Amino acid sequence: MKEVLFNTHDLALIFTMFICLSFSVFLITLKKGNKLSNCLLACFLLTQAAIPLDNLINFGEAFRPFALNLSPNLFYTFGLAFWLEVPLLLLYIKSLVNKNYQLQKLDTLLFIPFVFYATYFTVDWLMAENSIKLAALKQNNIETTPLIDRSIYFFRECFRFSISVLCFLELQKYQNNIKNEFAELESVDLTWLKVLVIGFLAVHLNAIFVSLGIIMSYDIGIIVDHELLGLTSNYAVLLLITSLIFFSAGHSKIFQGIDDTLISEQDKSIEVFEPEKIQKIETYLLQNKPYLNHLLTLDNLASQLSMGSRNLSSIINRHFGKNFFEFINYYRVEESKRLLLLEENKTVTMLDIMDKAGFNSKATFNTFFKKLVGITPTQFRKEYWENKNASSPH
């Protein structure tokens, strides 16, 4: 019982497998939330479980002999997950940030490299005689790997890195356009997911260096410690997957998505809108002050006005020349100015003024106020009361 079955590196891979499998089962059986997002995340996590299993079978001292006795087909088969991993991550992100997102025919293009490699792998390995496979596995080592396999490995890592870049760009696109639908951005903070995507970008870039290191070490003669780079990736993936599960479980509800039609409409030529609709919007905002709601969204306001979200977005963008974020916070600044000029608010804290005006972020309050008024809220109140006291009769 004192025999050590696994080393530390194997345990990192086993932990990754266990976490991914456990959470993927949870997501598949979960009845709440976005079903498509949950399914895509579950599939992504299954690939993250298959990849360490592939490493354990091919390189684990304890797993390799067992797999060799069980079936030679176990070798390399789970490596197919490398081709599925990042496309699934990209689709998961798209399903989060795009409202009512549905899989499209163009999305299948992401899986073309997988189809080609799976076909090659089936013919080259799975359909080969067991005797040939066993002979290759018994004397298998990185040094004897054919150059074509190393080239495919390098292409695979470049492909994964490229799709990771698309994941990052998708988040950037969301962040750039989110102000068209939300008046406060605290509840739609993407920092955690962006950090994770950058983490996977780094892991996939490191994988390119590993593949280059193998080629340089065994085909060019320049020795590179590719094993250390590979081990570093294993631990990094464990950290990233753990973080992904923790933050997606805690923050996934914030992703309400953006309506792509609202974004595309901004590029159209200037339209002339009915004066009655513009008057209706202005009157409603002045009389009912919906902007005092910290969590006001475009959909909320459109519902209150009995208008379509697309129509309201068009009017705000092209008639008022602002995005929704700027439009609502303009009214909040005007409300905060009114509050600051009231006698009873002379000693009220700025946080209370901010809250009463509908702002949910001190940074947004100060930034918008100074941008529109030219001075900070504190300076505005101070100058007003100093001037008023100076002009009043003694």
Protein backbone atom coordinates (compact mmCIF):
# COMPACT_ATOMS: atom_id res chain seq x y z
CA MET A 1 0.00 0.00 0.00
CA LYS A 2 3.01 2.29 0.25
CA GLU A 3 3.71 2.13 -3.49
CA VAL A 4 3.38 5.48 -5.25
CA LEU A 5 0.96 5.07 -8.14
CA PHE A 6 1.06 8.58 -9.60
CA ASN A 7 3.57 11.40 -9.56
CA THR A 8 2.59 15.04 -9.01
CA HIS A 9 2.31 15.74 -12.73
CA ASP A 10 -0.10 12.83 -13.19
CA LEU A 11 -2.21 14.07 -10.28
CA ALA A 12 -2.58 17.50 -11.91
CA LEU A 13 -3.98 15.79 -15.01
CA ILE A 14 -6.26 13.55 -12.93
CA PHE A 15 -7.62 16.52 -11.00
CA THR A 16 -8.31 18.33 -14.27
CA MET A 17 -10.20 15.30 -15.61
CA PHE A 18 -12.25 14.88 -12.44
CA ILE A 19 -13.23 18.57 -12.23
CA CYS A 20 -14.18 18.75 -15.91
CA LEU A 21 -16.22 15.54 -15.88
CA SER A 22 -18.04 16.47 -12.68
CA PHE A 23 -19.04 19.94 -13.83
CA SER A 24 -19.97 18.80 -17.34
CA VAL A 25 -22.42 16.27 -15.87
CA PHE A 26 -23.84 19.02 -13.66
CA LEU A 27 -24.32 21.33 -16.67
CA ILE A 28 -25.96 18.64 -18.81
CA THR A 29 -28.52 17.88 -16.08
CA LEU A 30 -29.07 21.54 -15.16
CA LYS A 31 -32.54 22.73 -16.10
CA LYS A 32 -31.97 26.43 -15.44
CA GLY A 33 -30.13 29.02 -17.52
CA ASN A 34 -29.29 29.09 -21.21
CA LYS A 35 -29.49 25.47 -22.37
CA LEU A 36 -27.31 26.04 -25.43
CA SER A 37 -24.61 27.78 -23.37
CA ASN A 38 -24.71 25.04 -20.75
CA CYS A 39 -24.44 22.34 -23.42
CA LEU A 40 -21.53 24.04 -25.20
CA LEU A 41 -19.67 24.59 -21.93
CA ALA A 42 -20.27 20.95 -20.98
CA CYS A 43 -18.86 19.79 -24.34
CA PHE A 44 -15.87 22.10 -23.92
CA LEU A 45 -15.21 20.65 -20.46
CA LEU A 46 -15.44 17.11 -21.85
CA THR A 47 -12.66 17.97 -24.30
CA GLN A 48 -10.69 19.34 -21.35
CA ALA A 49 -11.14 15.96 -19.65
CA ALA A 50 -10.15 14.03 -22.78
CA ILE A 51 -6.91 15.97 -23.34
CA PRO A 52 -5.27 15.10 -19.97
CA LEU A 53 -6.48 11.52 -20.42
CA ASP A 54 -4.66 11.46 -23.75
CA ASN A 55 -1.52 12.73 -22.02
CA LEU A 56 -1.80 10.12 -19.26
CA ILE A 57 -2.25 7.25 -21.73
CA ASN A 58 0.63 8.32 -23.94
CA PHE A 59 3.10 9.54 -21.33
CA GLY A 60 1.94 8.42 -17.85
CA GLU A 61 4.18 5.77 -16.34
CA ALA A 62 1.24 4.15 -14.53
CA PHE A 63 -1.35 4.53 -17.29
CA ARG A 64 0.66 3.60 -20.37
CA PRO A 65 1.23 -0.12 -19.62
CA PHE A 66 -2.40 -0.53 -18.58
CA ALA A 67 -3.69 1.10 -21.77
CA LEU A 68 -1.24 -0.93 -23.86
CA ASN A 69 -2.64 -4.18 -22.47
CA LEU A 70 -6.23 -3.02 -22.79
CA SER A 71 -6.24 -1.77 -26.41
CA PRO A 72 -3.75 0.02 -28.66
CA ASN A 73 -6.68 2.05 -30.03
CA LEU A 74 -6.77 3.98 -26.74
CA PHE A 75 -3.54 5.67 -27.76
CA TYR A 76 -3.94 9.03 -29.53
CA THR A 77 -7.74 8.64 -29.87
CA PHE A 78 -8.56 11.07 -27.05
CA GLY A 79 -6.19 13.52 -28.73
CA LEU A 80 -9.00 14.25 -31.19
CA ALA A 81 -10.31 16.56 -28.48
CA PHE A 82 -7.48 19.01 -29.24
CA TRP A 83 -9.26 19.87 -32.50
CA LEU A 84 -12.64 20.40 -30.80
CA GLU A 85 -11.60 22.30 -27.68
CA VAL A 86 -11.26 25.90 -28.88
CA PRO A 87 -14.09 25.88 -31.46
CA LEU A 88 -16.41 24.85 -28.64
CA LEU A 89 -15.04 27.63 -26.44
CA LEU A 90 -15.69 30.17 -29.21
CA LEU A 91 -19.27 28.96 -29.66
CA TYR A 92 -19.80 29.06 -25.90
CA ILE A 93 -18.68 32.69 -25.77
CA LYS A 94 -20.90 33.56 -28.74
CA SER A 95 -23.88 31.97 -27.01
CA LEU A 96 -23.20 34.09 -23.91
CA VAL A 97 -22.76 37.48 -25.53
CA ASN A 98 -25.34 37.28 -28.34
CA LYS A 99 -29.00 37.42 -27.39
CA ASN A 100 -31.06 34.45 -28.62
CA TYR A 101 -27.97 32.97 -30.27
CA GLN A 102 -28.52 29.85 -32.37
CA LEU A 103 -25.92 27.66 -34.04
CA GLN A 104 -25.50 28.51 -37.71
CA LYS A 105 -24.24 26.68 -40.77
CA LEU A 106 -21.10 28.82 -40.84
CA ASP A 107 -20.20 27.51 -37.38
CA THR A 108 -19.56 24.10 -38.93
CA LEU A 109 -16.50 25.57 -40.68
CA LEU A 110 -14.75 25.58 -37.31
CA PHE A 111 -14.85 21.79 -37.30
CA ILE A 112 -13.41 21.18 -40.77
CA PRO A 113 -9.84 20.62 -39.42
CA PHE A 114 -11.27 18.08 -36.97
CA VAL A 115 -13.03 16.19 -39.77
CA PHE A 116 -9.88 16.08 -41.92
CA TYR A 117 -7.67 14.95 -39.06
CA ALA A 118 -10.20 12.39 -37.82
CA THR A 119 -10.30 10.89 -41.31
CA TYR A 120 -6.49 10.80 -41.53
CA PHE A 121 -6.24 9.34 -38.02
CA THR A 122 -8.81 6.62 -38.76
CA VAL A 123 -7.01 5.48 -41.91
CA ASP A 124 -3.48 5.87 -40.59
CA TRP A 125 -3.98 4.44 -37.08
CA LEU A 126 -7.35 2.94 -36.21
CA MET A 127 -7.58 0.82 -39.36
CA ALA A 128 -4.01 -0.44 -39.07
CA GLU A 129 -3.29 -3.99 -37.86
CA ASN A 130 -2.97 -4.36 -34.09
CA SER A 131 0.43 -5.96 -34.51
CA ILE A 132 1.70 -2.87 -36.33
CA LYS A 133 0.27 -0.59 -33.66
CA LEU A 134 1.73 -2.62 -30.79
CA ALA A 135 5.15 -2.66 -32.43
CA ALA A 136 5.02 1.10 -32.92
CA LEU A 137 3.90 1.72 -29.33
CA LYS A 138 6.52 -0.54 -27.72
CA GLN A 139 9.35 1.44 -29.26
CA ASN A 140 7.42 4.69 -29.36
CA ASN A 141 9.24 7.85 -28.38
CA ILE A 142 9.22 11.44 -29.53
CA GLU A 143 12.50 11.05 -31.36
CA THR A 144 11.05 8.50 -33.82
CA THR A 145 7.83 10.42 -34.54
CA PRO A 146 7.45 10.95 -38.31
CA LEU A 147 7.95 14.51 -39.52
CA ILE A 148 4.44 14.55 -40.99
CA ASP A 149 2.97 13.94 -37.52
CA ARG A 150 5.11 16.72 -36.06
CA SER A 151 3.95 19.04 -38.83
CA ILE A 152 0.30 18.16 -38.13
CA TYR A 153 0.94 18.79 -34.43
CA PHE A 154 2.38 22.22 -35.24
CA PHE A 155 -0.58 23.07 -37.51
CA ARG A 156 -2.98 21.95 -34.78
CA GLU A 157 -1.45 24.30 -32.23
CA CYS A 158 -1.52 27.20 -34.71
CA PHE A 159 -5.20 26.43 -35.36
CA ARG A 160 -6.01 26.40 -31.64
CA PHE A 161 -4.19 29.69 -31.12
CA SER A 162 -6.01 31.31 -34.06
CA ILE A 163 -9.44 30.35 -32.72
CA SER A 164 -8.39 31.61 -29.28
CA VAL A 165 -7.72 34.98 -30.91
CA LEU A 166 -11.26 34.88 -32.33
CA CYS A 167 -12.57 34.23 -28.80
CA PHE A 168 -10.78 37.34 -27.60
CA LEU A 169 -12.08 39.43 -30.52
CA GLU A 170 -15.63 38.23 -29.81
CA LEU A 171 -15.36 39.53 -26.26
CA GLN A 172 -13.91 42.82 -27.53
CA LYS A 173 -16.83 43.20 -29.92
CA TYR A 174 -19.27 42.60 -27.06
CA GLN A 175 -17.53 45.11 -24.83
CA ASN A 176 -17.48 47.75 -27.57
CA ASN A 177 -21.21 47.43 -28.27
CA ILE A 178 -22.62 46.76 -24.83
CA LYS A 179 -23.30 50.45 -24.26
CA ASN A 180 -26.10 50.27 -26.82
CA GLU A 181 -28.26 48.24 -24.44
CA PHE A 182 -27.11 48.91 -20.88
CA ALA A 183 -27.04 52.12 -18.87
CA GLU A 184 -24.68 50.73 -16.21
CA LEU A 185 -21.90 48.26 -16.82
CA GLU A 186 -21.11 46.96 -13.34
CA SER A 187 -23.38 43.93 -13.76
CA VAL A 188 -21.95 43.03 -17.17
CA ASP A 189 -18.27 43.06 -16.27
CA LEU A 190 -16.32 40.80 -18.63
CA THR A 191 -12.97 41.01 -16.88
CA TRP A 192 -13.08 37.47 -15.48
CA LEU A 193 -13.89 35.85 -18.83
CA LYS A 194 -11.42 38.03 -20.72
CA VAL A 195 -8.65 37.02 -18.30
CA LEU A 196 -9.54 33.35 -18.85
CA VAL A 197 -9.50 33.73 -22.63
CA ILE A 198 -6.13 35.46 -22.44
CA GLY A 199 -4.98 32.57 -20.24
CA PHE A 200 -5.99 30.04 -22.87
CA LEU A 201 -4.32 32.22 -25.50
CA ALA A 202 -1.09 31.96 -23.52
CA VAL A 203 -1.49 28.19 -23.14
CA HIS A 204 -2.03 27.73 -26.86
CA LEU A 205 0.87 30.01 -27.71
CA ASN A 206 3.01 27.94 -25.36
CA ALA A 207 1.82 24.80 -27.19
CA ILE A 208 3.15 26.28 -30.44
CA PHE A 209 6.53 26.72 -28.75
CA VAL A 210 6.37 23.10 -27.55
CA SER A 211 5.72 21.84 -31.08
CA LEU A 212 8.50 24.04 -32.44
CA GLY A 213 10.78 22.83 -29.63
CA ILE A 214 10.18 19.20 -30.64
CA ILE A 215 10.97 19.95 -34.29
CA MET A 216 14.07 21.95 -33.35
CA SER A 217 15.32 19.28 -30.92
CA TYR A 218 14.89 16.22 -33.13
CA ASP A 219 14.95 17.52 -36.71
CA ILE A 220 17.26 20.54 -36.52
CA GLY A 221 19.48 19.60 -33.59
CA ILE A 222 18.84 22.64 -31.40
CA ILE A 223 17.89 21.27 -27.97
CA VAL A 224 14.80 22.87 -26.40
CA ASP A 225 13.29 21.78 -23.06
CA HIS A 226 9.84 21.10 -24.53
CA GLU A 227 8.91 18.79 -21.65
CA LEU A 228 9.08 21.65 -19.14
CA LEU A 229 6.96 23.81 -21.41
CA GLY A 230 4.40 21.02 -21.70
CA LEU A 231 4.23 20.46 -17.94
CA THR A 232 3.76 24.18 -17.38
CA SER A 233 0.74 24.09 -19.70
CA ASN A 234 -0.80 21.20 -17.76
CA TYR A 235 -0.75 23.16 -14.50
CA ALA A 236 -1.92 26.32 -16.23
CA VAL A 237 -4.91 24.50 -17.72
CA LEU A 238 -5.84 23.10 -14.29
CA LEU A 239 -5.84 26.64 -12.90
CA LEU A 240 -7.80 28.04 -15.85
CA ILE A 241 -10.44 25.31 -15.79
CA THR A 242 -10.93 25.71 -12.06
CA SER A 243 -11.30 29.47 -12.52
CA LEU A 244 -13.68 29.03 -15.46
CA ILE A 245 -15.98 26.80 -13.44
CA PHE A 246 -15.89 29.07 -10.39
CA PHE A 247 -16.56 32.30 -12.26
CA SER A 248 -19.02 30.91 -14.82
CA ALA A 249 -21.08 29.45 -11.97
CA GLY A 250 -21.04 32.77 -10.12
CA HIS A 251 -21.33 35.23 -13.00
CA SER A 252 -23.06 33.49 -15.90
CA LYS A 253 -26.36 35.26 -15.13
CA ILE A 254 -24.84 38.62 -16.03
CA PHE A 255 -24.64 37.70 -19.68
CA GLN A 256 -27.87 38.97 -21.12
CA GLY A 257 -26.41 39.23 -24.59
CA ILE A 258 -26.50 41.88 -27.26
CA ASP A 259 -28.99 41.98 -30.11
CA ASP A 260 -26.82 41.92 -33.26
CA THR A 261 -29.53 43.70 -35.22
CA LEU A 262 -29.09 46.75 -33.00
CA ILE A 263 -25.39 46.85 -33.85
CA SER A 264 -25.80 46.43 -37.59
CA GLU A 265 -28.46 49.13 -37.79
CA GLN A 266 -26.01 51.78 -36.67
CA ASP A 267 -24.26 51.59 -40.02
CA LYS A 268 -27.36 52.57 -41.98
CA SER A 269 -27.93 56.03 -43.37
CA ILE A 270 -29.61 58.72 -41.26
CA GLU A 271 -33.36 58.21 -40.91
CA VAL A 272 -36.07 60.76 -40.18
CA PHE A 273 -38.14 59.61 -37.21
CA GLU A 274 -41.69 60.56 -36.33
CA PRO A 275 -41.69 63.67 -34.09
CA GLU A 276 -44.39 62.04 -31.94
CA LYS A 277 -42.05 59.19 -30.99
CA ILE A 278 -39.20 61.54 -30.11
CA GLN A 279 -41.55 63.68 -28.04
CA LYS A 280 -42.92 60.60 -26.32
CA ILE A 281 -39.41 59.49 -25.29
CA GLU A 282 -38.37 62.92 -24.00
CA THR A 283 -41.63 63.50 -22.10
CA TYR A 284 -41.55 60.06 -20.51
CA LEU A 285 -37.96 60.45 -19.34
CA LEU A 286 -38.63 63.89 -17.82
CA GLN A 287 -41.89 62.95 -16.11
CA ASN A 288 -41.32 59.35 -15.03
CA LYS A 289 -37.54 59.38 -14.59
CA PRO A 290 -36.95 55.69 -15.47
CA TYR A 291 -33.20 56.39 -15.37
CA LEU A 292 -33.38 56.40 -11.56
CA ASN A 293 -33.49 52.60 -11.82
CA HIS A 294 -29.86 51.50 -11.50
CA LEU A 295 -30.43 48.41 -13.66
CA LEU A 296 -32.32 50.06 -16.51
CA THR A 297 -31.72 48.40 -19.90
CA LEU A 298 -32.81 49.16 -23.44
CA ASP A 299 -35.38 46.36 -23.30
CA ASN A 300 -36.78 47.70 -20.01
CA LEU A 301 -37.20 51.22 -21.38
CA ALA A 302 -38.65 50.00 -24.69
CA SER A 303 -41.24 47.99 -22.77
CA GLN A 304 -42.22 51.03 -20.67
CA LEU A 305 -42.60 53.12 -23.83
CA SER A 306 -44.49 50.35 -25.66
CA MET A 307 -41.89 50.51 -28.43
CA GLY A 308 -39.69 47.96 -30.09
CA SER A 309 -36.11 47.74 -28.84
CA ARG A 310 -34.71 48.09 -32.35
CA ASN A 311 -36.79 51.20 -33.05
CA LEU A 312 -35.84 52.81 -29.74
CA SER A 313 -32.16 51.99 -30.30
CA SER A 314 -32.30 53.58 -33.76
CA ILE A 315 -33.83 56.79 -32.43
CA ILE A 316 -31.32 57.06 -29.58
CA ASN A 317 -28.33 56.38 -31.84
CA ARG A 318 -29.27 58.44 -34.86
CA HIS A 319 -31.56 61.19 -33.63
CA PHE A 320 -29.96 61.90 -30.25
CA GLY A 321 -26.46 60.95 -31.46
CA LYS A 322 -25.70 58.81 -28.40
CA ASN A 323 -25.56 55.17 -27.45
CA PHE A 324 -27.96 53.97 -24.75
CA PHE A 325 -25.30 54.19 -22.04
CA GLU A 326 -24.55 57.85 -22.84
CA PHE A 327 -28.22 58.73 -23.36
CA ILE A 328 -29.43 57.51 -19.95
CA ASN A 329 -26.42 58.79 -18.04
CA TYR A 330 -26.95 62.26 -19.52
CA TYR A 331 -30.32 62.37 -17.73
CA ARG A 332 -28.69 61.04 -14.57
CA VAL A 333 -26.15 63.86 -14.64
CA GLU A 334 -28.96 66.39 -15.06
CA GLU A 335 -30.76 64.82 -12.10
CA SER A 336 -27.61 64.92 -9.96
CA LYS A 337 -27.15 68.63 -10.82
CA ARG A 338 -30.70 69.32 -9.66
CA LEU A 339 -30.09 67.43 -6.41
CA LEU A 340 -26.83 69.22 -5.72
CA LEU A 341 -28.55 72.61 -5.93
CA LEU A 342 -31.14 71.80 -3.27
CA GLU A 343 -30.69 73.39 0.15
CA GLU A 344 -31.38 70.14 1.97
CA ASN A 345 -28.57 68.42 0.06
CA LYS A 346 -25.78 70.83 1.02
CA THR A 347 -24.22 68.29 3.38
CA VAL A 348 -25.43 65.06 1.73
CA THR A 349 -22.57 62.79 0.63
CA MET A 350 -21.77 62.38 -3.05
CA LEU A 351 -22.48 58.66 -2.78
CA ASP A 352 -26.05 59.47 -1.71
CA ILE A 353 -26.43 61.98 -4.56
CA MET A 354 -25.05 59.42 -6.98
CA ASP A 355 -27.49 56.79 -5.75
CA LYS A 356 -30.50 59.10 -5.85
CA ALA A 357 -29.65 60.12 -9.44
CA GLY A 358 -29.59 56.50 -10.62
CA PHE A 359 -25.85 55.91 -10.87
CA ASN A 360 -24.54 52.57 -9.66
CA SER A 361 -20.84 53.33 -10.11
CA LYS A 362 -18.88 56.17 -8.55
CA ALA A 363 -16.39 56.09 -11.42
CA THR A 364 -19.15 56.42 -14.04
CA PHE A 365 -20.81 59.21 -12.04
CA ASN A 366 -17.62 61.28 -11.74
CA THR A 367 -16.50 60.62 -15.33
CA PHE A 368 -19.83 61.55 -16.93
CA PHE A 369 -20.40 64.55 -14.68
CA LYS A 370 -17.01 66.06 -15.45
CA LYS A 371 -17.36 65.27 -19.16
CA LEU A 372 -20.73 67.03 -19.44
CA VAL A 373 -20.35 69.80 -16.85
CA GLY A 374 -16.61 70.43 -17.01
CA ILE A 375 -15.97 70.08 -13.28
CA THR A 376 -16.44 67.37 -10.65
CA PRO A 377 -19.71 67.08 -8.69
CA THR A 378 -17.95 68.29 -5.52
CA GLN A 379 -16.60 71.38 -7.29
CA PHE A 380 -20.00 72.03 -8.86
CA ARG A 381 -21.79 72.09 -5.50
CA LYS A 382 -19.02 74.05 -3.79
CA GLU A 383 -18.90 76.78 -6.48
CA TYR A 384 -22.68 77.09 -6.60
CA TRP A 385 -23.09 77.67 -2.86
CA GLU A 386 -20.04 79.94 -2.63
CA ASN A 387 -21.40 82.14 -5.41
CA LYS A 388 -24.87 82.12 -3.90
CA ASN A 389 -23.58 83.10 -0.46
CA ALA A 390 -21.39 85.82 -1.97
CA SER A 391 -24.29 87.36 -3.87
CA SER A 392 -26.79 87.20 -1.03
CA PRO A 393 -27.23 90.38 1.13
CA HIS A 394 -25.53 90.37 4.53
